[in-house]
PDB file of all heavy atoms in Angstrom:
ATOM      1  N   ASP A   1     103.100  81.838 112.687  1.00  0.00           N
ATOM      2  CA  ASP A   1     102.211  80.783 113.157  1.00  0.00           C
ATOM      3  C   ASP A   1     102.424  79.536 112.268  1.00  0.00           C
ATOM      4  O   ASP A   1     101.754  79.360 111.254  1.00  0.00           O
ATOM      5  CB  ASP A   1     100.783  81.263 113.129  1.00  0.00           C
ATOM      6  CG  ASP A   1      99.806  80.247 113.765  1.00  0.00           C
ATOM      7  OD1 ASP A   1     100.187  79.076 113.934  1.00  0.00           O
ATOM      8  OD2 ASP A   1      98.673  80.651 114.068  1.00  0.00           O
ATOM      9  N   VAL A   2     103.348  78.651 112.663  1.00  0.00           N
ATOM     10  CA  VAL A   2     103.721  77.527 111.816  1.00  0.00           C
ATOM     11  C   VAL A   2     102.548  76.632 111.509  1.00  0.00           C
ATOM     12  O   VAL A   2     102.333  76.188 110.412  1.00  0.00           O
ATOM     13  CB  VAL A   2     104.862  76.742 112.465  1.00  0.00           C
ATOM     14  CG1 VAL A   2     105.207  75.479 111.651  1.00  0.00           C
ATOM     15  CG2 VAL A   2     106.110  77.591 112.632  1.00  0.00           C
ATOM     16  N   ALA A   3     101.745  76.344 112.531  1.00  0.00           N
ATOM     17  CA  ALA A   3     100.576  75.423 112.325  1.00  0.00           C
ATOM     18  C   ALA A   3      99.630  75.985 111.280  1.00  0.00           C
ATOM     19  O   ALA A   3      99.126  75.297 110.404  1.00  0.00           O
ATOM     20  CB  ALA A   3      99.878  75.213 113.619  1.00  0.00           C
ATOM     21  N   LEU A   4      99.422  77.299 111.311  1.00  0.00           N
ATOM     22  CA  LEU A   4      98.502  77.919 110.347  1.00  0.00           C
ATOM     23  C   LEU A   4      99.093  77.835 108.944  1.00  0.00           C
ATOM     24  O   LEU A   4      98.401  77.522 108.008  1.00  0.00           O
ATOM     25  CB  LEU A   4      98.282  79.399 110.734  1.00  0.00           C
ATOM     26  CG  LEU A   4      97.436  80.218 109.728  1.00  0.00           C
ATOM     27  CD1 LEU A   4      96.007  79.662 109.655  1.00  0.00           C
ATOM     28  CD2 LEU A   4      97.416  81.699 110.167  1.00  0.00           C
ATOM     29  N   ARG A   5     100.370  78.130 108.802  1.00  0.00           N
ATOM     30  CA  ARG A   5     101.004  78.104 107.490  1.00  0.00           C
ATOM     31  C   ARG A   5     100.976  76.699 106.882  1.00  0.00           C
ATOM     32  O   ARG A   5     100.786  76.524 105.699  1.00  0.00           O
ATOM     33  CB  ARG A   5     102.423  78.605 107.499  1.00  0.00           C
ATOM     34  CG  ARG A   5     102.595  80.063 108.003  1.00  0.00           C
ATOM     35  CD  ARG A   5     101.661  81.029 107.360  1.00  0.00           C
ATOM     36  NE  ARG A   5     101.762  81.058 105.910  1.00  0.00           N
ATOM     37  CZ  ARG A   5     101.027  81.783 105.106  1.00  0.00           C
ATOM     38  NH1 ARG A   5     100.046  82.527 105.624  1.00  0.00           N
ATOM     39  NH2 ARG A   5     101.197  81.793 103.808  1.00  0.00           N
ATOM     40  N   ARG A   6     101.193  75.689 107.733  1.00  0.00           N
ATOM     41  CA  ARG A   6     101.218  74.279 107.227  1.00  0.00           C
ATOM     42  C   ARG A   6      99.837  73.948 106.633  1.00  0.00           C
ATOM     43  O   ARG A   6      99.753  73.201 105.697  1.00  0.00           O
ATOM     44  CB  ARG A   6     101.533  73.344 108.385  1.00  0.00           C
ATOM     45  CG  ARG A   6     102.985  73.284 108.725  1.00  0.00           C
ATOM     46  CD  ARG A   6     103.219  72.358 109.902  1.00  0.00           C
ATOM     47  NE  ARG A   6     104.634  72.244 110.220  1.00  0.00           N
ATOM     48  CZ  ARG A   6     105.110  71.684 111.346  1.00  0.00           C
ATOM     49  NH1 ARG A   6     104.270  71.239 112.262  1.00  0.00           N
ATOM     50  NH2 ARG A   6     106.406  71.622 111.556  1.00  0.00           N
ATOM     51  N   VAL A   7      98.792  74.480 107.277  1.00  0.00           N
ATOM     52  CA  VAL A   7      97.418  74.158 106.766  1.00  0.00           C
ATOM     53  C   VAL A   7      97.073  74.995 105.569  1.00  0.00           C
ATOM     54  O   VAL A   7      96.628  74.526 104.544  1.00  0.00           O
ATOM     55  CB  VAL A   7      96.414  74.343 107.896  1.00  0.00           C
ATOM     56  CG1 VAL A   7      94.999  74.192 107.313  1.00  0.00           C
ATOM     57  CG2 VAL A   7      96.608  73.326 108.988  1.00  0.00           C
ATOM     58  N   ARG A   8      97.354  76.308 105.672  1.00  0.00           N
ATOM     59  CA  ARG A   8      96.892  77.254 104.655  1.00  0.00           C
ATOM     60  C   ARG A   8      97.619  77.085 103.326  1.00  0.00           C
ATOM     61  O   ARG A   8      96.994  77.082 102.261  1.00  0.00           O
ATOM     62  CB  ARG A   8      97.094  78.689 105.112  1.00  0.00           C
ATOM     63  CG  ARG A   8      96.028  79.172 106.096  1.00  0.00           C
ATOM     64  CD  ARG A   8      96.230  80.664 106.335  1.00  0.00           C
ATOM     65  NE  ARG A   8      96.188  81.413 105.099  1.00  0.00           N
ATOM     66  CZ  ARG A   8      96.689  82.642 104.967  1.00  0.00           C
ATOM     67  NH1 ARG A   8      97.265  83.210 105.968  1.00  0.00           N
ATOM     68  NH2 ARG A   8      96.575  83.291 103.806  1.00  0.00           N
ATOM     69  N   GLU A   9      98.930  76.950 103.392  1.00  0.00           N
ATOM     70  CA  GLU A   9      99.665  76.994 102.117  1.00  0.00           C
ATOM     71  C   GLU A   9      99.265  75.848 101.191  1.00  0.00           C
ATOM     72  O   GLU A   9      98.956  76.083 100.015  1.00  0.00           O
ATOM     73  CB  GLU A   9     101.165  77.024 102.402  1.00  0.00           C
ATOM     74  CG  GLU A   9     101.587  78.364 103.001  1.00  0.00           C
ATOM     75  CD  GLU A   9     103.065  78.445 103.231  1.00  0.00           C
ATOM     76  OE1 GLU A   9     103.819  77.538 102.813  1.00  0.00           O
ATOM     77  OE2 GLU A   9     103.518  79.422 103.879  1.00  0.00           O
ATOM     78  N   PRO A  10      99.298  74.583 101.664  1.00  0.00           N
ATOM     79  CA  PRO A  10      98.909  73.529 100.702  1.00  0.00           C
ATOM     80  C   PRO A  10      97.434  73.648 100.272  1.00  0.00           C
ATOM     81  O   PRO A  10      97.127  73.406  99.116  1.00  0.00           O
ATOM     82  CB  PRO A  10      99.162  72.232 101.506  1.00  0.00           C
ATOM     83  CG  PRO A  10     100.121  72.623 102.525  1.00  0.00           C
ATOM     84  CD  PRO A  10      99.794  74.034 102.861  1.00  0.00           C
ATOM     85  N   GLU A  11      96.569  73.988 101.192  1.00  0.00           N
ATOM     86  CA  GLU A  11      95.144  74.039 100.876  1.00  0.00           C
ATOM     87  C   GLU A  11      94.827  75.126  99.833  1.00  0.00           C
ATOM     88  O   GLU A  11      94.031  74.954  98.955  1.00  0.00           O
ATOM     89  CB  GLU A  11      94.298  74.271 102.157  1.00  0.00           C
ATOM     90  CG  GLU A  11      94.111  73.029 103.001  1.00  0.00           C
ATOM     91  CD  GLU A  11      93.074  73.214 104.027  1.00  0.00           C
ATOM     92  OE1 GLU A  11      92.593  74.339 104.186  1.00  0.00           O
ATOM     93  OE2 GLU A  11      92.711  72.242 104.687  1.00  0.00           O
ATOM     94  N   GLU A  12      95.460  76.282 100.012  1.00  0.00           N
ATOM     95  CA  GLU A  12      95.184  77.383  99.147  1.00  0.00           C
ATOM     96  C   GLU A  12      96.067  77.384  97.883  1.00  0.00           C
ATOM     97  O   GLU A  12      95.928  78.217  97.025  1.00  0.00           O
ATOM     98  CB  GLU A  12      95.342  78.730  99.876  1.00  0.00           C
ATOM     99  CG  GLU A  12      94.342  78.879 101.004  1.00  0.00           C
ATOM    100  CD  GLU A  12      94.497  80.202 101.744  1.00  0.00           C
ATOM    101  OE1 GLU A  12      95.269  81.087 101.281  1.00  0.00           O
ATOM    102  OE2 GLU A  12      93.865  80.358 102.784  1.00  0.00           O
ATOM    103  N   GLY A  13      96.972  76.405  97.819  1.00  0.00           N
ATOM    104  CA  GLY A  13      97.801  76.302  96.614  1.00  0.00           C
ATOM    105  C   GLY A  13      98.826  77.438  96.488  1.00  0.00           C
ATOM    106  O   GLY A  13      99.054  77.912  95.387  1.00  0.00           O
ATOM    107  N   LEU A  14      99.380  77.881  97.577  1.00  0.00           N
ATOM    108  CA  LEU A  14     100.357  78.926  97.535  1.00  0.00           C
ATOM    109  C   LEU A  14     101.585  78.582  98.362  1.00  0.00           C
ATOM    110  O   LEU A  14     101.521  77.740  99.241  1.00  0.00           O
ATOM    111  CB  LEU A  14      99.799  80.265  97.997  1.00  0.00           C
ATOM    112  CG  LEU A  14      99.418  80.440  99.451  1.00  0.00           C
ATOM    113  CD1 LEU A  14     100.557  81.063 100.261  1.00  0.00           C
ATOM    114  CD2 LEU A  14      98.149  81.278  99.634  1.00  0.00           C
ATOM    115  N   TYR A  15     102.689  79.261  98.133  1.00  0.00           N
ATOM    116  CA  TYR A  15     103.853  79.186  98.968  1.00  0.00           C
ATOM    117  C   TYR A  15     104.482  80.569  98.928  1.00  0.00           C
ATOM    118  O   TYR A  15     104.127  81.410  98.074  1.00  0.00           O
ATOM    119  CB  TYR A  15     104.814  78.102  98.614  1.00  0.00           C
ATOM    120  CG  TYR A  15     105.636  78.400  97.358  1.00  0.00           C
ATOM    121  CD1 TYR A  15     106.872  79.002  97.439  1.00  0.00           C
ATOM    122  CD2 TYR A  15     105.174  78.000  96.099  1.00  0.00           C
ATOM    123  CE1 TYR A  15     107.593  79.254  96.282  1.00  0.00           C
ATOM    124  CE2 TYR A  15     105.863  78.246  94.939  1.00  0.00           C
ATOM    125  CZ  TYR A  15     107.123  78.877  95.056  1.00  0.00           C
ATOM    126  OH  TYR A  15     107.862  79.124  93.928  1.00  0.00           O
ATOM    127  N   LEU A  16     105.432  80.837  99.833  1.00  0.00           N
ATOM    128  CA  LEU A  16     106.034  82.139  99.960  1.00  0.00           C
ATOM    129  C   LEU A  16     107.524  82.089  99.601  1.00  0.00           C
ATOM    130  O   LEU A  16     108.241  81.249 100.201  1.00  0.00           O
ATOM    131  CB  LEU A  16     105.810  82.720 101.320  1.00  0.00           C
ATOM    132  CG  LEU A  16     104.314  82.987 101.621  1.00  0.00           C
ATOM    133  CD1 LEU A  16     104.000  83.083 103.072  1.00  0.00           C
ATOM    134  CD2 LEU A  16     103.879  84.242 100.931  1.00  0.00           C
ATOM    135  N   ALA A  17     107.949  82.975  98.760  1.00  0.00           N
ATOM    136  CA  ALA A  17     109.379  83.027  98.350  1.00  0.00           C
ATOM    137  C   ALA A  17     109.928  84.327  98.946  1.00  0.00           C
ATOM    138  O   ALA A  17     109.456  85.426  98.661  1.00  0.00           O
ATOM    139  CB  ALA A  17     109.515  83.081  96.840  1.00  0.00           C
ATOM    140  N   GLU A  18     110.980  84.168  99.736  1.00  0.00           N
ATOM    141  CA  GLU A  18     111.524  85.289 100.511  1.00  0.00           C
ATOM    142  C   GLU A  18     112.892  85.682  99.898  1.00  0.00           C
ATOM    143  O   GLU A  18     113.785  84.826  99.810  1.00  0.00           O
ATOM    144  CB  GLU A  18     111.679  84.940 101.969  1.00  0.00           C
ATOM    145  CG  GLU A  18     112.176  86.075 102.834  1.00  0.00           C
ATOM    146  CD  GLU A  18     112.282  85.676 104.290  1.00  0.00           C
ATOM    147  OE1 GLU A  18     111.903  84.528 104.646  1.00  0.00           O
ATOM    148  OE2 GLU A  18     112.748  86.522 105.076  1.00  0.00           O
ATOM    149  N   SER A  19     113.057  86.956  99.535  1.00  0.00           N
ATOM    150  CA  SER A  19     114.261  87.581  98.989  1.00  0.00           C
ATOM    151  C   SER A  19     114.183  87.624  97.453  1.00  0.00           C
ATOM    152  O   SER A  19     113.650  86.691  96.859  1.00  0.00           O
ATOM    153  CB  SER A  19     115.545  86.889  99.417  1.00  0.00           C
ATOM    154  OG  SER A  19     115.881  85.800  98.648  1.00  0.00           O
ATOM    155  N   PRO A  20     114.796  88.634  96.845  1.00  0.00           N
ATOM    156  CA  PRO A  20     114.792  88.726  95.428  1.00  0.00           C
ATOM    157  C   PRO A  20     115.448  87.525  94.734  1.00  0.00           C
ATOM    158  O   PRO A  20     115.000  87.070  93.672  1.00  0.00           O
ATOM    159  CB  PRO A  20     115.607  89.993  95.145  1.00  0.00           C
ATOM    160  CG  PRO A  20     115.337  90.843  96.359  1.00  0.00           C
ATOM    161  CD  PRO A  20     115.288  89.870  97.520  1.00  0.00           C
ATOM    162  N   LYS A  21     116.498  86.954  95.342  1.00  0.00           N
ATOM    163  CA  LYS A  21     117.162  85.811  94.744  1.00  0.00           C
ATOM    164  C   LYS A  21     116.229  84.621  94.646  1.00  0.00           C
ATOM    165  O   LYS A  21     116.171  83.917  93.637  1.00  0.00           O
ATOM    166  CB  LYS A  21     118.441  85.417  95.578  1.00  0.00           C
ATOM    167  CG  LYS A  21     119.182  84.260  94.982  1.00  0.00           C
ATOM    168  CD  LYS A  21     120.411  83.927  95.809  1.00  0.00           C
ATOM    169  CE  LYS A  21     121.493  84.911  95.619  1.00  0.00           C
ATOM    170  NZ  LYS A  21     122.781  84.530  96.273  1.00  0.00           N
ATOM    171  N   VAL A  22     115.513  84.305  95.741  1.00  0.00           N
ATOM    172  CA  VAL A  22     114.611  83.180  95.742  1.00  0.00           C
ATOM    173  C   VAL A  22     113.423  83.431  94.802  1.00  0.00           C
ATOM    174  O   VAL A  22     112.983  82.526  94.107  1.00  0.00           O
ATOM    175  CB  VAL A  22     114.155  82.899  97.186  1.00  0.00           C
ATOM    176  CG1 VAL A  22     113.073  81.815  97.159  1.00  0.00           C
ATOM    177  CG2 VAL A  22     115.323  82.426  98.050  1.00  0.00           C
ATOM    178  N   ILE A  23     112.944  84.671  94.765  1.00  0.00           N
ATOM    179  CA  ILE A  23     111.838  85.001  93.862  1.00  0.00           C
ATOM    180  C   ILE A  23     112.307  84.763  92.432  1.00  0.00           C
ATOM    181  O   ILE A  23     111.581  84.194  91.586  1.00  0.00           O
ATOM    182  CB  ILE A  23     111.388  86.477  94.064  1.00  0.00           C
ATOM    183  CG1 ILE A  23     110.746  86.616  95.448  1.00  0.00           C
ATOM    184  CG2 ILE A  23     110.416  86.862  92.964  1.00  0.00           C
ATOM    185  CD1 ILE A  23     110.500  88.057  95.854  1.00  0.00           C
ATOM    186  N   GLU A  24     113.504  85.198  92.110  1.00  0.00           N
ATOM    187  CA  GLU A  24     114.059  84.991  90.750  1.00  0.00           C
ATOM    188  C   GLU A  24     114.108  83.508  90.433  1.00  0.00           C
ATOM    189  O   GLU A  24     113.725  83.111  89.303  1.00  0.00           O
ATOM    190  CB  GLU A  24     115.450  85.602  90.654  1.00  0.00           C
ATOM    191  CG  GLU A  24     116.062  85.455  89.266  1.00  0.00           C
ATOM    192  CD  GLU A  24     117.424  86.105  89.162  1.00  0.00           C
ATOM    193  OE1 GLU A  24     118.024  86.487  90.208  1.00  0.00           O
ATOM    194  OE2 GLU A  24     117.955  86.197  88.051  1.00  0.00           O
ATOM    195  N   ARG A  25     114.582  82.689  91.361  1.00  0.00           N
ATOM    196  CA  ARG A  25     114.649  81.240  91.097  1.00  0.00           C
ATOM    197  C   ARG A  25     113.269  80.638  90.912  1.00  0.00           C
ATOM    198  O   ARG A  25     113.104  79.732  90.067  1.00  0.00           O
ATOM    199  CB  ARG A  25     115.405  80.542  92.236  1.00  0.00           C
ATOM    200  CG  ARG A  25     116.893  80.829  92.224  1.00  0.00           C
ATOM    201  CD  ARG A  25     117.656  80.042  93.237  1.00  0.00           C
ATOM    202  NE  ARG A  25     119.085  80.308  93.080  1.00  0.00           N
ATOM    203  CZ  ARG A  25     120.028  79.850  93.894  1.00  0.00           C
ATOM    204  NH1 ARG A  25     119.696  79.098  94.925  1.00  0.00           N
ATOM    205  NH2 ARG A  25     121.293  80.122  93.680  1.00  0.00           N
ATOM    206  N   ALA A  26     112.314  81.106  91.658  1.00  0.00           N
ATOM    207  CA  ALA A  26     110.934  80.604  91.484  1.00  0.00           C
ATOM    208  C   ALA A  26     110.405  80.949  90.119  1.00  0.00           C
ATOM    209  O   ALA A  26     109.766  80.111  89.468  1.00  0.00           O
ATOM    210  CB  ALA A  26     110.060  81.187  92.555  1.00  0.00           C
ATOM    211  N   LEU A  27     110.645  82.141  89.662  1.00  0.00           N
ATOM    212  CA  LEU A  27     110.181  82.552  88.355  1.00  0.00           C
ATOM    213  C   LEU A  27     110.907  81.806  87.222  1.00  0.00           C
ATOM    214  O   LEU A  27     110.281  81.387  86.246  1.00  0.00           O
ATOM    215  CB  LEU A  27     110.394  84.085  88.159  1.00  0.00           C
ATOM    216  CG  LEU A  27     109.520  84.959  89.093  1.00  0.00           C
ATOM    217  CD1 LEU A  27     109.961  86.425  88.958  1.00  0.00           C
ATOM    218  CD2 LEU A  27     108.068  84.827  88.781  1.00  0.00           C
ATOM    219  N   ARG A  28     112.197  81.563  87.410  1.00  0.00           N
ATOM    220  CA  ARG A  28     112.958  80.776  86.421  1.00  0.00           C
ATOM    221  C   ARG A  28     112.428  79.341  86.333  1.00  0.00           C
ATOM    222  O   ARG A  28     112.528  78.721  85.275  1.00  0.00           O
ATOM    223  CB  ARG A  28     114.426  80.775  86.806  1.00  0.00           C
ATOM    224  CG  ARG A  28     115.164  82.038  86.444  1.00  0.00           C
ATOM    225  CD  ARG A  28     116.621  81.908  86.723  1.00  0.00           C
ATOM    226  NE  ARG A  28     117.371  83.077  86.373  1.00  0.00           N
ATOM    227  CZ  ARG A  28     118.671  83.253  86.626  1.00  0.00           C
ATOM    228  NH1 ARG A  28     119.386  82.283  87.268  1.00  0.00           N
ATOM    229  NH2 ARG A  28     119.320  84.367  86.284  1.00  0.00           N
ATOM    230  N   ALA A  29     111.921  78.841  87.478  1.00  0.00           N
ATOM    231  CA  ALA A  29     111.372  77.481  87.501  1.00  0.00           C
ATOM    232  C   ALA A  29     110.016  77.422  86.851  1.00  0.00           C
ATOM    233  O   ALA A  29     109.421  76.368  86.759  1.00  0.00           O
ATOM    234  CB  ALA A  29     111.359  76.941  88.911  1.00  0.00           C
ATOM    235  N   GLY A  30     109.477  78.583  86.438  1.00  0.00           N
ATOM    236  CA  GLY A  30     108.154  78.590  85.801  1.00  0.00           C
ATOM    237  C   GLY A  30     107.003  78.780  86.741  1.00  0.00           C
ATOM    238  O   GLY A  30     105.849  78.602  86.330  1.00  0.00           O
ATOM    239  N   HIS A  31     107.257  79.111  87.989  1.00  0.00           N
ATOM    240  CA  HIS A  31     106.198  79.267  88.963  1.00  0.00           C
ATOM    241  C   HIS A  31     105.539  80.664  88.772  1.00  0.00           C
ATOM    242  O   HIS A  31     106.242  81.636  88.458  1.00  0.00           O
ATOM    243  CB  HIS A  31     106.699  79.159  90.394  1.00  0.00           C
ATOM    244  CG  HIS A  31     107.295  77.793  90.666  1.00  0.00           C
ATOM    245  ND1 HIS A  31     107.649  77.382  91.935  1.00  0.00           N
ATOM    246  CD2 HIS A  31     107.563  76.732  89.869  1.00  0.00           C
ATOM    247  CE1 HIS A  31     108.112  76.133  91.873  1.00  0.00           C
ATOM    248  NE2 HIS A  31     108.091  75.730  90.638  1.00  0.00           N
TER     249      HIS A  31
END
């Protein structure tokens, strides 16, 4: 549900990282 995610993610201060590689990059960036 793209419309829901566009509203929820910025408002709740979260985003979603998909796959171990992307999760690793997010953690390396200090997130």
